[in-house]
Amino acid sequence: MSDAVEEIANAFLPELANDYIKVYQLALDRPIVLTGGMACIPGIVEEFEERVSDELDREVEAVAAERPDISPSLGAQRIAARLVETN
């Protein structure tokens, strides 16, 4: 988990701020959504939220998708369907 917190707090968010300040500002006001099988582990969302909040020295909200184990697949399916519709 430390690697994920480090990546978000010290790589992804600063890069987002440098390249897309308005998107960065919007992102800070919304929850971080955790997906994938690891998000099914009890307590991991709260632990992630706490660690990112501590690293950024500001309150951060994290939530898990309704079905975090299959949500990446569902997202990929939706993207593929849109690509098929536009081509």
PDB file of N, CA and C in Angstrom:
ATOM      1  N   MET A   1       0.815  -1.185   0.000  1.00  0.00           N
ATOM      2  CA  MET A   1       0.000   0.000   0.000  1.00  0.00           C
ATOM      3  C   MET A   1       0.863   1.255   0.000  1.00  0.00           C
ATOM      4  N   SER A   2       2.006   1.189   0.640  1.00  0.00           N
ATOM      5  CA  SER A   2       2.875   2.359   0.695  1.00  0.00           C
ATOM      6  C   SER A   2       3.264   2.840  -0.700  1.00  0.00           C
ATOM      7  N   ASP A   3       3.495   1.900  -1.619  1.00  0.00           N
ATOM      8  CA  ASP A   3       3.849   2.274  -2.989  1.00  0.00           C
ATOM      9  C   ASP A   3       2.700   3.013  -3.669  1.00  0.00           C
ATOM     10  N   ALA A   4       1.473   2.564  -3.444  1.00  0.00           N
ATOM     11  CA  ALA A   4       0.309   3.216  -4.050  1.00  0.00           C
ATOM     12  C   ALA A   4       0.140   4.631  -3.506  1.00  0.00           C
ATOM     13  N   VAL A   5       0.288   4.789  -2.206  1.00  0.00           N
ATOM     14  CA  VAL A   5       0.163   6.111  -1.582  1.00  0.00           C
ATOM     15  C   VAL A   5       1.260   7.031  -2.107  1.00  0.00           C
ATOM     16  N   GLU A   6       2.470   6.525  -2.159  1.00  0.00           N
ATOM     17  CA  GLU A   6       3.608   7.305  -2.665  1.00  0.00           C
ATOM     18  C   GLU A   6       3.364   7.754  -4.107  1.00  0.00           C
ATOM     19  N   GLU A   7       2.893   6.848  -4.931  1.00  0.00           N
ATOM     20  CA  GLU A   7       2.650   7.162  -6.340  1.00  0.00           C
ATOM     21  C   GLU A   7       1.576   8.235  -6.496  1.00  0.00           C
ATOM     22  N   ILE A   8       0.496   8.113  -5.773  1.00  0.00           N
ATOM     23  CA  ILE A   8      -0.591   9.093  -5.887  1.00  0.00           C
ATOM     24  C   ILE A   8      -0.172  10.444  -5.330  1.00  0.00           C
ATOM     25  N   ALA A   9       0.374  10.446  -4.120  1.00  0.00           N
ATOM     26  CA  ALA A   9       0.685  11.700  -3.442  1.00  0.00           C
ATOM     27  C   ALA A   9       1.888  12.436  -4.023  1.00  0.00           C
ATOM     28  N   ASN A  10       2.891  11.699  -4.462  1.00  0.00           N
ATOM     29  CA  ASN A  10       4.145  12.345  -4.843  1.00  0.00           C
ATOM     30  C   ASN A  10       4.491  12.262  -6.319  1.00  0.00           C
ATOM     31  N   ALA A  11       3.684  11.562  -7.097  1.00  0.00           N
ATOM     32  CA  ALA A  11       3.936  11.492  -8.533  1.00  0.00           C
ATOM     33  C   ALA A  11       2.693  11.903  -9.330  1.00  0.00           C
ATOM     34  N   PHE A  12       1.608  11.147  -9.173  1.00  0.00           N
ATOM     35  CA  PHE A  12       0.422  11.392  -9.988  1.00  0.00           C
ATOM     36  C   PHE A  12      -0.190  12.776  -9.752  1.00  0.00           C
ATOM     37  N   LEU A  13      -0.501  13.111  -8.501  1.00  0.00           N
ATOM     38  CA  LEU A  13      -1.160  14.391  -8.232  1.00  0.00           C
ATOM     39  C   LEU A  13      -0.290  15.600  -8.594  1.00  0.00           C
ATOM     40  N   PRO A  14       1.013  15.617  -8.261  1.00  0.00           N
ATOM     41  CA  PRO A  14       1.833  16.750  -8.694  1.00  0.00           C
ATOM     42  C   PRO A  14       1.907  16.886 -10.218  1.00  0.00           C
ATOM     43  N   GLU A  15       1.998  15.763 -10.907  1.00  0.00           N
ATOM     44  CA  GLU A  15       2.036  15.818 -12.372  1.00  0.00           C
ATOM     45  C   GLU A  15       0.705  16.329 -12.927  1.00  0.00           C
ATOM     46  N   LEU A  16      -0.391  15.862 -12.341  1.00  0.00           N
ATOM     47  CA  LEU A  16      -1.708  16.342 -12.750  1.00  0.00           C
ATOM     48  C   LEU A  16      -1.820  17.847 -12.524  1.00  0.00           C
ATOM     49  N   ALA A  17      -1.329  18.331 -11.389  1.00  0.00           N
ATOM     50  CA  ALA A  17      -1.368  19.768 -11.087  1.00  0.00           C
ATOM     51  C   ALA A  17      -0.549  20.560 -12.100  1.00  0.00           C
ATOM     52  N   ASN A  18       0.605  20.028 -12.486  1.00  0.00           N
ATOM     53  CA  ASN A  18       1.463  20.725 -13.452  1.00  0.00           C
ATOM     54  C   ASN A  18       0.836  20.788 -14.837  1.00  0.00           C
ATOM     55  N   ASP A  19       0.159  19.711 -15.226  1.00  0.00           N
ATOM     56  CA  ASP A  19      -0.362  19.623 -16.588  1.00  0.00           C
ATOM     57  C   ASP A  19      -1.813  20.092 -16.730  1.00  0.00           C
ATOM     58  N   TYR A  20      -2.621  19.879 -15.703  1.00  0.00           N
ATOM     59  CA  TYR A  20      -4.059  20.159 -15.790  1.00  0.00           C
ATOM     60  C   TYR A  20      -4.563  20.690 -14.451  1.00  0.00           C
ATOM     61  N   ILE A  21      -4.271  21.928 -14.153  1.00  0.00           N
ATOM     62  CA  ILE A  21      -4.570  22.483 -12.836  1.00  0.00           C
ATOM     63  C   ILE A  21      -6.068  22.446 -12.508  1.00  0.00           C
ATOM     64  N   LYS A  22      -6.928  22.713 -13.474  1.00  0.00           N
ATOM     65  CA  LYS A  22      -8.372  22.689 -13.194  1.00  0.00           C
ATOM     66  C   LYS A  22      -8.847  21.278 -12.859  1.00  0.00           C
ATOM     67  N   VAL A  23      -8.367  20.290 -13.589  1.00  0.00           N
ATOM     68  CA  VAL A  23      -8.724  18.899 -13.300  1.00  0.00           C
ATOM     69  C   VAL A  23      -8.183  18.511 -11.923  1.00  0.00           C
ATOM     70  N   TYR A  24      -6.984  18.938 -11.618  1.00  0.00           N
ATOM     71  CA  TYR A  24      -6.379  18.674 -10.308  1.00  0.00           C
ATOM     72  C   TYR A  24      -7.243  19.238  -9.189  1.00  0.00           C
ATOM     73  N   GLN A  25      -7.674  20.476  -9.340  1.00  0.00           N
ATOM     74  CA  GLN A  25      -8.508  21.103  -8.317  1.00  0.00           C
ATOM     75  C   GLN A  25      -9.836  20.365  -8.150  1.00  0.00           C
ATOM     76  N   LEU A  26     -10.430  19.933  -9.252  1.00  0.00           N
ATOM     77  CA  LEU A  26     -11.664  19.143  -9.177  1.00  0.00           C
ATOM     78  C   LEU A  26     -11.406  17.799  -8.501  1.00  0.00           C
ATOM     79  N   ALA A  27     -10.300  17.176  -8.824  1.00  0.00           N
ATOM     80  CA  ALA A  27      -9.973  15.860  -8.277  1.00  0.00           C
ATOM     81  C   ALA A  27      -9.833  15.899  -6.756  1.00  0.00           C
ATOM     82  N   LEU A  28      -9.281  16.966  -6.233  1.00  0.00           N
ATOM     83  CA  LEU A  28      -9.080  17.060  -4.795  1.00  0.00           C
ATOM     84  C   LEU A  28     -10.393  17.184  -4.028  1.00  0.00           C
ATOM     85  N   ASP A  29     -11.440  17.606  -4.718  1.00  0.00           N
ATOM     86  CA  ASP A  29     -12.739  17.784  -4.066  1.00  0.00           C
ATOM     87  C   ASP A  29     -13.633  16.559  -4.191  1.00  0.00           C
ATOM     88  N   ARG A  30     -13.126  15.508  -4.797  1.00  0.00           N
ATOM     89  CA  ARG A  30     -13.931  14.295  -5.002  1.00  0.00           C
ATOM     90  C   ARG A  30     -13.223  13.095  -4.381  1.00  0.00           C
ATOM     91  N   PRO A  31     -13.999  12.059  -4.068  1.00  0.00           N
ATOM     92  CA  PRO A  31     -13.370  10.863  -3.488  1.00  0.00           C
ATOM     93  C   PRO A  31     -12.497  10.128  -4.497  1.00  0.00           C
ATOM     94  N   ILE A  32     -11.486   9.462  -3.987  1.00  0.00           N
ATOM     95  CA  ILE A  32     -10.682   8.555  -4.791  1.00  0.00           C
ATOM     96  C   ILE A  32     -11.404   7.210  -4.765  1.00  0.00           C
ATOM     97  N   VAL A  33     -11.668   6.648  -5.932  1.00  0.00           N
ATOM     98  CA  VAL A  33     -12.387   5.387  -6.012  1.00  0.00           C
ATOM     99  C   VAL A  33     -11.384   4.260  -6.207  1.00  0.00           C
ATOM    100  N   LEU A  34     -11.405   3.309  -5.291  1.00  0.00           N
ATOM    101  CA  LEU A  34     -10.524   2.154  -5.381  1.00  0.00           C
ATOM    102  C   LEU A  34     -11.254   1.028  -6.083  1.00  0.00           C
ATOM    103  N   THR A  35     -10.581   0.393  -7.026  1.00  0.00           N
ATOM    104  CA  THR A  35     -11.160  -0.723  -7.767  1.00  0.00           C
ATOM    105  C   THR A  35     -10.179  -1.882  -7.771  1.00  0.00           C
ATOM    106  N   GLY A  36     -10.646  -3.019  -8.217  1.00  0.00           N
ATOM    107  CA  GLY A  36      -9.805  -4.206  -8.285  1.00  0.00           C
ATOM    108  C   GLY A  36      -9.990  -5.071  -7.057  1.00  0.00           C
ATOM    109  N   GLY A  37      -9.505  -6.274  -7.143  1.00  0.00           N
ATOM    110  CA  GLY A  37      -9.689  -7.245  -6.083  1.00  0.00           C
ATOM    111  C   GLY A  37      -9.159  -6.811  -4.728  1.00  0.00           C
ATOM    112  N   MET A  38      -8.068  -6.068  -4.704  1.00  0.00           N
ATOM    113  CA  MET A  38      -7.508  -5.630  -3.429  1.00  0.00           C
ATOM    114  C   MET A  38      -8.466  -4.724  -2.664  1.00  0.00           C
ATOM    115  N   ALA A  39      -9.326  -4.003  -3.373  1.00  0.00           N
ATOM    116  CA  ALA A  39     -10.281  -3.107  -2.712  1.00  0.00           C
ATOM    117  C   ALA A  39     -11.343  -3.881  -1.945  1.00  0.00           C
ATOM    118  N   CYS A  40     -11.389  -5.203  -2.114  1.00  0.00           N
ATOM    119  CA  CYS A  40     -12.330  -6.052  -1.374  1.00  0.00           C
ATOM    120  C   CYS A  40     -11.826  -6.387   0.027  1.00  0.00           C
ATOM    121  N   ILE A  41     -10.572  -6.122   0.314  1.00  0.00           N
ATOM    122  CA  ILE A  41     -10.001  -6.449   1.617  1.00  0.00           C
ATOM    123  C   ILE A  41     -10.618  -5.527   2.672  1.00  0.00           C
ATOM    124  N   PRO A  42     -11.211  -6.104   3.705  1.00  0.00           N
ATOM    125  CA  PRO A  42     -11.826  -5.277   4.747  1.00  0.00           C
ATOM    126  C   PRO A  42     -10.835  -4.288   5.360  1.00  0.00           C
ATOM    127  N   GLY A  43     -11.258  -3.037   5.431  1.00  0.00           N
ATOM    128  CA  GLY A  43     -10.455  -1.997   6.051  1.00  0.00           C
ATOM    129  C   GLY A  43      -9.453  -1.315   5.145  1.00  0.00           C
ATOM    130  N   ILE A  44      -9.254  -1.819   3.944  1.00  0.00           N
ATOM    131  CA  ILE A  44      -8.205  -1.246   3.091  1.00  0.00           C
ATOM    132  C   ILE A  44      -8.564   0.160   2.597  1.00  0.00           C
ATOM    133  N   VAL A  45      -9.844   0.404   2.353  1.00  0.00           N
ATOM    134  CA  VAL A  45     -10.265   1.732   1.881  1.00  0.00           C
ATOM    135  C   VAL A  45      -9.960   2.771   2.953  1.00  0.00           C
ATOM    136  N   GLU A  46     -10.308   2.460   4.191  1.00  0.00           N
ATOM    137  CA  GLU A  46     -10.066   3.397   5.292  1.00  0.00           C
ATOM    138  C   GLU A  46      -8.567   3.610   5.529  1.00  0.00           C
ATOM    139  N   GLU A  47      -7.800   2.541   5.421  1.00  0.00           N
ATOM    140  CA  GLU A  47      -6.347   2.649   5.599  1.00  0.00           C
ATOM    141  C   GLU A  47      -5.726   3.499   4.494  1.00  0.00           C
ATOM    142  N   PHE A  48      -6.149   3.273   3.270  1.00  0.00           N
ATOM    143  CA  PHE A  48      -5.663   4.053   2.133  1.00  0.00           C
ATOM    144  C   PHE A  48      -6.012   5.523   2.321  1.00  0.00           C
ATOM    145  N   GLU A  49      -7.261   5.778   2.686  1.00  0.00           N
ATOM    146  CA  GLU A  49      -7.735   7.150   2.907  1.00  0.00           C
ATOM    147  C   GLU A  49      -6.882   7.851   3.971  1.00  0.00           C
ATOM    148  N   GLU A  50      -6.627   7.159   5.066  1.00  0.00           N
ATOM    149  CA  GLU A  50      -5.838   7.735   6.149  1.00  0.00           C
ATOM    150  C   GLU A  50      -4.405   8.028   5.710  1.00  0.00           C
ATOM    151  N   ARG A  51      -3.796   7.077   5.024  1.00  0.00           N
ATOM    152  CA  ARG A  51      -2.402   7.263   4.595  1.00  0.00           C
ATOM    153  C   ARG A  51      -2.253   8.382   3.567  1.00  0.00           C
ATOM    154  N   VAL A  52      -3.167   8.451   2.603  1.00  0.00           N
ATOM    155  CA  VAL A  52      -3.092   9.528   1.608  1.00  0.00           C
ATOM    156  C   VAL A  52      -3.355  10.874   2.275  1.00  0.00           C
ATOM    157  N   SER A  53      -4.321  10.930   3.173  1.00  0.00           N
ATOM    158  CA  SER A  53      -4.602  12.170   3.903  1.00  0.00           C
ATOM    159  C   SER A  53      -3.370  12.634   4.672  1.00  0.00           C
ATOM    160  N   ASP A  54      -2.692  11.707   5.351  1.00  0.00           N
ATOM    161  CA  ASP A  54      -1.479  12.056   6.094  1.00  0.00           C
ATOM    162  C   ASP A  54      -0.381  12.540   5.155  1.00  0.00           C
ATOM    163  N   GLU A  55      -0.209  11.849   4.031  1.00  0.00           N
ATOM    164  CA  GLU A  55       0.853  12.206   3.084  1.00  0.00           C
ATOM    165  C   GLU A  55       0.615  13.578   2.466  1.00  0.00           C
ATOM    166  N   LEU A  56      -0.648  13.890   2.153  1.00  0.00           N
ATOM    167  CA  LEU A  56      -0.978  15.171   1.522  1.00  0.00           C
ATOM    168  C   LEU A  56      -1.235  16.280   2.538  1.00  0.00           C
ATOM    169  N   ASP A  57      -1.323  15.900   3.803  1.00  0.00           N
ATOM    170  CA  ASP A  57      -1.614  16.844   4.873  1.00  0.00           C
ATOM    171  C   ASP A  57      -2.924  17.598   4.624  1.00  0.00           C
ATOM    172  N   ARG A  58      -3.920  16.830   4.185  1.00  0.00           N
ATOM    173  CA  ARG A  58      -5.270  17.353   3.956  1.00  0.00           C
ATOM    174  C   ARG A  58      -6.231  16.181   3.964  1.00  0.00           C
ATOM    175  N   GLU A  59      -7.492  16.463   4.224  1.00  0.00           N
ATOM    176  CA  GLU A  59      -8.502  15.411   4.279  1.00  0.00           C
ATOM    177  C   GLU A  59      -8.788  14.880   2.878  1.00  0.00           C
ATOM    178  N   VAL A  60      -8.691  13.574   2.717  1.00  0.00           N
ATOM    179  CA  VAL A  60      -8.967  12.916   1.448  1.00  0.00           C
ATOM    180  C   VAL A  60     -10.012  11.838   1.711  1.00  0.00           C
ATOM    181  N   GLU A  61     -10.990  11.740   0.818  1.00  0.00           N
ATOM    182  CA  GLU A  61     -12.001  10.697   0.942  1.00  0.00           C
ATOM    183  C   GLU A  61     -11.717   9.603  -0.082  1.00  0.00           C
ATOM    184  N   ALA A  62     -11.808   8.369   0.355  1.00  0.00           N
ATOM    185  CA  ALA A  62     -11.659   7.223  -0.539  1.00  0.00           C
ATOM    186  C   ALA A  62     -12.891   6.346  -0.395  1.00  0.00           C
ATOM    187  N   VAL A  63     -13.302   5.755  -1.488  1.00  0.00           N
ATOM    188  CA  VAL A  63     -14.439   4.834  -1.503  1.00  0.00           C
ATOM    189  C   VAL A  63     -14.076   3.663  -2.399  1.00  0.00           C
ATOM    190  N   ALA A  64     -14.800   2.576  -2.242  1.00  0.00           N
ATOM    191  CA  ALA A  64     -14.628   1.432  -3.133  1.00  0.00           C
ATOM    192  C   ALA A  64     -15.810   1.377  -4.075  1.00  0.00           C
ATOM    193  N   ALA A  65     -15.560   0.910  -5.265  1.00  0.00           N
ATOM    194  CA  ALA A  65     -16.642   0.694  -6.217  1.00  0.00           C
ATOM    195  C   ALA A  65     -17.601  -0.338  -5.632  1.00  0.00           C
ATOM    196  N   GLU A  66     -18.820  -0.370  -6.139  1.00  0.00           N
ATOM    197  CA  GLU A  66     -19.805  -1.321  -5.626  1.00  0.00           C
ATOM    198  C   GLU A  66     -19.294  -2.759  -5.727  1.00  0.00           C
ATOM    199  N   ARG A  67     -18.717  -3.103  -6.854  1.00  0.00           N
ATOM    200  CA  ARG A  67     -18.100  -4.426  -7.062  1.00  0.00           C
ATOM    201  C   ARG A  67     -16.658  -4.190  -7.497  1.00  0.00           C
ATOM    202  N   PRO A  68     -15.777  -3.869  -6.559  1.00  0.00           N
ATOM    203  CA  PRO A  68     -14.412  -3.519  -6.944  1.00  0.00           C
ATOM    204  C   PRO A  68     -13.674  -4.621  -7.682  1.00  0.00           C
ATOM    205  N   ASP A  69     -14.070  -5.870  -7.461  1.00  0.00           N
ATOM    206  CA  ASP A  69     -13.380  -6.982  -8.099  1.00  0.00           C
ATOM    207  C   ASP A  69     -13.637  -7.050  -9.601  1.00  0.00           C
ATOM    208  N   ILE A  70     -14.805  -6.586 -10.056  1.00  0.00           N
ATOM    209  CA  ILE A  70     -15.108  -6.648 -11.493  1.00  0.00           C
ATOM    210  C   ILE A  70     -15.204  -5.274 -12.148  1.00  0.00           C
ATOM    211  N   SER A  71     -15.111  -4.204 -11.379  1.00  0.00           N
ATOM    212  CA  SER A  71     -15.286  -2.868 -11.953  1.00  0.00           C
ATOM    213  C   SER A  71     -14.254  -2.509 -13.028  1.00  0.00           C
ATOM    214  N   PRO A  72     -12.981  -2.933 -12.926  1.00  0.00           N
ATOM    215  CA  PRO A  72     -12.064  -2.637 -14.035  1.00  0.00           C
ATOM    216  C   PRO A  72     -12.520  -3.285 -15.346  1.00  0.00           C
ATOM    217  N   SER A  73     -13.035  -4.499 -15.265  1.00  0.00           N
ATOM    218  CA  SER A  73     -13.528  -5.181 -16.473  1.00  0.00           C
ATOM    219  C   SER A  73     -14.749  -4.481 -17.042  1.00  0.00           C
ATOM    220  N   LEU A  74     -15.641  -4.049 -16.162  1.00  0.00           N
ATOM    221  CA  LEU A  74     -16.835  -3.333 -16.623  1.00  0.00           C
ATOM    222  C   LEU A  74     -16.458  -2.012 -17.291  1.00  0.00           C
ATOM    223  N   GLY A  75     -15.489  -1.326 -16.716  1.00  0.00           N
ATOM    224  CA  GLY A  75     -15.024  -0.078 -17.320  1.00  0.00           C
ATOM    225  C   GLY A  75     -14.422  -0.300 -18.694  1.00  0.00           C
ATOM    226  N   ALA A  76     -13.610  -1.339 -18.833  1.00  0.00           N
ATOM    227  CA  ALA A  76     -13.019  -1.664 -20.128  1.00  0.00           C
ATOM    228  C   ALA A  76     -14.097  -2.027 -21.138  1.00  0.00           C
ATOM    229  N   GLN A  77     -15.113  -2.739 -20.690  1.00  0.00           N
ATOM    230  CA  GLN A  77     -16.219  -3.106 -21.573  1.00  0.00           C
ATOM    231  C   GLN A  77     -16.956  -1.854 -22.072  1.00  0.00           C
ATOM    232  N   ARG A  78     -17.177  -0.900 -21.186  1.00  0.00           N
ATOM    233  CA  ARG A  78     -17.866   0.342 -21.576  1.00  0.00           C
ATOM    234  C   ARG A  78     -17.033   1.147 -22.569  1.00  0.00           C
ATOM    235  N   ILE A  79     -15.739   1.207 -22.339  1.00  0.00           N
ATOM    236  CA  ILE A  79     -14.858   1.922 -23.269  1.00  0.00           C
ATOM    237  C   ILE A  79     -14.890   1.247 -24.636  1.00  0.00           C
ATOM    238  N   ALA A  80     -14.795  -0.070 -24.664  1.00  0.00           N
ATOM    239  CA  ALA A  80     -14.824  -0.815 -25.926  1.00  0.00           C
ATOM    240  C   ALA A  80     -16.145  -0.589 -26.661  1.00  0.00           C
ATOM    241  N   ALA A  81     -17.249  -0.589 -25.931  1.00  0.00           N
ATOM    242  CA  ALA A  81     -18.560  -0.365 -26.564  1.00  0.00           C
ATOM    243  C   ALA A  81     -18.633   1.021 -27.182  1.00  0.00           C
ATOM    244  N   ARG A  82     -18.099   2.012 -26.521  1.00  0.00           N
ATOM    245  CA  ARG A  82     -18.100   3.383 -27.080  1.00  0.00           C
ATOM    246  C   ARG A  82     -17.220   3.474 -28.318  1.00  0.00           C
ATOM    247  N   LEU A  83     -16.091   2.791 -28.292  1.00  0.00           N
ATOM    248  CA  LEU A  83     -15.203   2.804 -29.451  1.00  0.00           C
ATOM    249  C   LEU A  83     -15.890   2.145 -30.660  1.00  0.00           C
ATOM    250  N   VAL A  84     -16.610   1.080 -30.423  1.00  0.00           N
ATOM    251  CA  VAL A  84     -17.339   0.399 -31.503  1.00  0.00           C
ATOM    252  C   VAL A  84     -18.435   1.298 -32.059  1.00  0.00           C
ATOM    253  N   GLU A  85     -19.123   2.012 -31.172  1.00  0.00           N
ATOM    254  CA  GLU A  85     -20.211   2.910 -31.599  1.00  0.00           C
ATOM    255  C   GLU A  85     -19.703   4.067 -32.455  1.00  0.00           C
ATOM    256  N   THR A  86     -18.524   4.571 -32.162  1.00  0.00           N
ATOM    257  CA  THR A  86     -18.001   5.749 -32.870  1.00  0.00           C
ATOM    258  C   THR A  86     -17.271   5.387 -34.153  1.00  0.00           C
ATOM    259  N   ASN A  87     -16.982   4.119 -34.364  1.00  0.00           N
ATOM    260  CA  ASN A  87     -16.246   3.723 -35.579  1.00  0.00           C
ATOM    261  C   ASN A  87     -17.137   3.067 -36.595  1.00  0.00           C
TER     262      ASN A  87
END
